[in-house]
């Protein structure tokens, strides 16, 4: 029995890290949906109304981002849109990694170092996923013609 405890803790941490890397792309839509859902709840929409407003707002945020990535012709504006989605993922990666490091080690310096490394890793992963979602620019853009 004593062997299963540490193995389950390691498996749980691995699952949480996998989940963090997988869901990092949705950090901005989640934040927008949560914020508007809580706002709707506090303005009298009730629990169901708050959940519905949150889901619609989060889905609309993700949809608008995908639409903008698909139809914006300028590379610099696409990069700005991608960075708008990646920034909350970096913050979420820092917070999650700091929480895991806080449980694993007593030194505050090393906790911060690992949290920064985790934030960079989550940010790079989210950036690569979003650049994979972005459609290529118009055909022939940047091609020299003879």
Protein backbone atom coordinates (compact mmCIF):
# COMPACT_ATOMS: atom_id res chain seq x y z
CA UNK A 1 0.00 0.00 0.00
CA UNK A 2 2.80 2.41 0.74
CA UNK A 3 4.04 2.05 -2.85
CA UNK A 4 0.71 3.09 -4.39
CA UNK A 5 0.53 6.48 -2.64
CA UNK A 6 3.57 8.10 -4.28
CA UNK A 7 2.73 6.50 -7.62
CA UNK A 8 -0.79 7.91 -7.52
CA UNK A 9 0.58 11.35 -6.61
CA UNK A 10 2.97 11.24 -9.58
CA UNK A 11 0.18 10.03 -11.88
CA UNK A 12 -2.08 12.83 -10.63
CA UNK A 13 0.56 15.49 -11.21
CA UNK A 14 1.23 14.13 -14.71
CA UNK A 15 -2.51 14.20 -15.48
CA UNK A 16 -2.84 17.78 -14.23
CA UNK A 17 0.18 18.86 -16.33
CA UNK A 18 -1.26 17.15 -19.41
CA UNK A 19 -4.61 18.84 -18.79
CA UNK A 20 -2.89 22.21 -18.35
CA UNK A 21 -1.02 21.90 -21.65
CA UNK A 22 -4.14 20.69 -23.47
CA UNK A 23 -6.49 23.38 -22.16
CA UNK A 24 -4.06 26.32 -22.20
CA UNK A 25 -5.48 27.45 -25.55
CA UNK A 26 -8.84 28.07 -23.90
CA UNK A 27 -7.57 30.29 -21.05
CA UNK A 28 -8.89 33.57 -22.55
CA UNK A 29 -12.34 32.20 -23.52
CA UNK A 30 -12.61 30.59 -20.06
CA UNK A 31 -11.70 33.86 -18.36
CA UNK A 32 -14.18 35.86 -20.43
CA UNK A 33 -16.92 33.26 -19.93
CA UNK A 34 -16.31 33.04 -16.19
CA UNK A 35 -16.25 36.81 -15.76
CA UNK A 36 -19.44 37.40 -17.73
CA UNK A 37 -21.16 34.40 -16.15
CA UNK A 38 -20.44 35.69 -12.63
CA UNK A 39 -21.55 39.18 -13.71
CA UNK A 40 -24.82 37.79 -15.06
CA UNK A 41 -25.38 35.81 -11.86
CA UNK A 42 -24.83 38.87 -9.69
CA UNK A 43 -27.15 41.01 -11.80
CA UNK A 44 -30.04 38.61 -11.18
CA UNK A 45 -29.89 36.09 -14.03
CA UNK A 46 -29.76 33.17 -11.60
CA UNK A 47 -27.52 30.11 -11.73
CA UNK A 48 -28.82 28.78 -15.06
CA UNK A 49 -28.67 32.22 -16.68
CA UNK A 50 -25.14 32.81 -15.42
CA UNK A 51 -23.98 29.45 -16.75
CA UNK A 52 -25.67 30.10 -20.10
CA UNK A 53 -24.19 33.59 -20.42
CA UNK A 54 -20.76 32.26 -19.49
CA UNK A 55 -20.89 29.44 -22.03
CA UNK A 56 -22.10 31.73 -24.81
CA UNK A 57 -19.50 34.40 -23.99
CA UNK A 58 -16.64 31.88 -23.85
CA UNK A 59 -17.72 30.22 -27.09
CA UNK A 60 -18.15 33.58 -28.79
CA UNK A 61 -14.69 34.69 -27.65
CA UNK A 62 -13.10 31.56 -29.08
CA UNK A 63 -15.17 31.81 -32.26
CA UNK A 64 -14.32 35.47 -32.81
CA UNK A 65 -10.64 34.67 -32.30
CA UNK A 66 -10.77 31.84 -34.84
CA UNK A 67 -12.72 34.03 -37.29
CA UNK A 68 -10.19 36.83 -36.89
CA UNK A 69 -7.29 34.44 -37.45
CA UNK A 70 -8.97 33.13 -40.59
CA UNK A 71 -9.75 36.45 -42.23
CA UNK A 72 -7.09 38.93 -41.09
CA UNK A 73 -4.63 39.37 -43.98
CA UNK A 74 -1.76 40.98 -42.04
CA UNK A 75 0.75 38.76 -40.28
CA UNK A 76 1.45 41.29 -37.53
CA UNK A 77 -2.24 41.48 -36.63
CA UNK A 78 -2.50 37.68 -36.57
CA UNK A 79 0.47 37.60 -34.22
CA UNK A 80 -1.22 40.18 -31.99
CA UNK A 81 -4.42 38.11 -31.86
CA UNK A 82 -2.43 34.97 -31.04
CA UNK A 83 -0.54 36.81 -28.28
CA UNK A 84 -3.86 38.03 -26.88
CA UNK A 85 -4.87 34.39 -26.44
CA UNK A 86 -1.43 33.21 -25.27
CA UNK A 87 -0.96 35.78 -22.48
CA UNK A 88 -3.68 34.34 -20.19
CA UNK A 89 -2.29 30.85 -20.89
CA UNK A 90 1.11 32.01 -19.62
CA UNK A 91 -0.47 33.37 -16.44
CA UNK A 92 -2.41 30.13 -15.94
CA UNK A 93 0.77 28.10 -16.54
CA UNK A 94 2.66 30.16 -14.00
CA UNK A 95 -0.07 29.79 -11.39
CA UNK A 96 -0.50 26.06 -11.91
CA UNK A 97 3.22 25.34 -11.92
CA UNK A 98 3.74 27.50 -8.84
CA UNK A 99 1.01 25.58 -7.03
CA UNK A 100 2.60 22.24 -7.91
CA UNK A 101 6.08 23.50 -6.99
CA UNK A 102 4.73 24.88 -3.71
CA UNK A 103 3.60 21.39 -2.76
CA UNK A 104 6.87 19.78 -3.84
CA UNK A 105 9.63 22.03 -2.47
CA UNK A 106 10.07 24.40 0.47
CA UNK A 107 12.38 26.97 -1.16
CA UNK A 108 10.49 30.03 -2.44
CA UNK A 109 13.27 30.80 -4.92
CA UNK A 110 13.07 27.39 -6.55
CA UNK A 111 9.28 27.55 -6.57
CA UNK A 112 9.46 30.76 -8.56
CA UNK A 113 12.12 29.39 -10.91
CA UNK A 114 10.03 26.31 -11.69
CA UNK A 115 6.90 28.45 -12.05
CA UNK A 116 8.61 30.67 -14.63
CA UNK A 117 9.86 27.60 -16.54
CA UNK A 118 6.32 26.18 -16.47
CA UNK A 119 4.85 29.47 -17.66
CA UNK A 120 7.27 29.57 -20.58
CA UNK A 121 6.50 25.96 -21.49
CA UNK A 122 2.73 26.51 -21.39
CA UNK A 123 3.07 29.76 -23.34
CA UNK A 124 5.14 28.12 -26.07
CA UNK A 125 2.68 25.23 -26.28
CA UNK A 126 -0.31 27.57 -26.55
CA UNK A 127 1.51 29.67 -29.15
CA UNK A 128 2.31 26.61 -31.26
CA UNK A 129 -1.27 25.36 -31.02
CA UNK A 130 -2.65 28.72 -32.10
CA UNK A 131 -0.23 29.09 -34.97
CA UNK A 132 -1.34 25.62 -36.05
CA UNK A 133 -4.97 26.79 -35.96
CA UNK A 134 -4.22 29.91 -37.99
CA UNK A 135 -4.79 29.49 -41.69
CA UNK A 136 -1.96 30.43 -44.01
CA UNK A 137 -2.01 33.86 -45.62
CA UNK A 138 -3.30 34.55 -49.11
CA UNK A 139 -1.69 32.47 -51.86
CA UNK A 140 1.33 34.05 -53.45
CA UNK A 141 1.99 36.48 -50.62
CA UNK A 142 5.70 37.17 -50.39
CA UNK A 143 6.53 35.17 -53.52
CA UNK A 144 8.85 36.78 -56.05
CA UNK A 145 7.42 36.77 -59.56
CA UNK A 146 9.51 36.70 -62.67
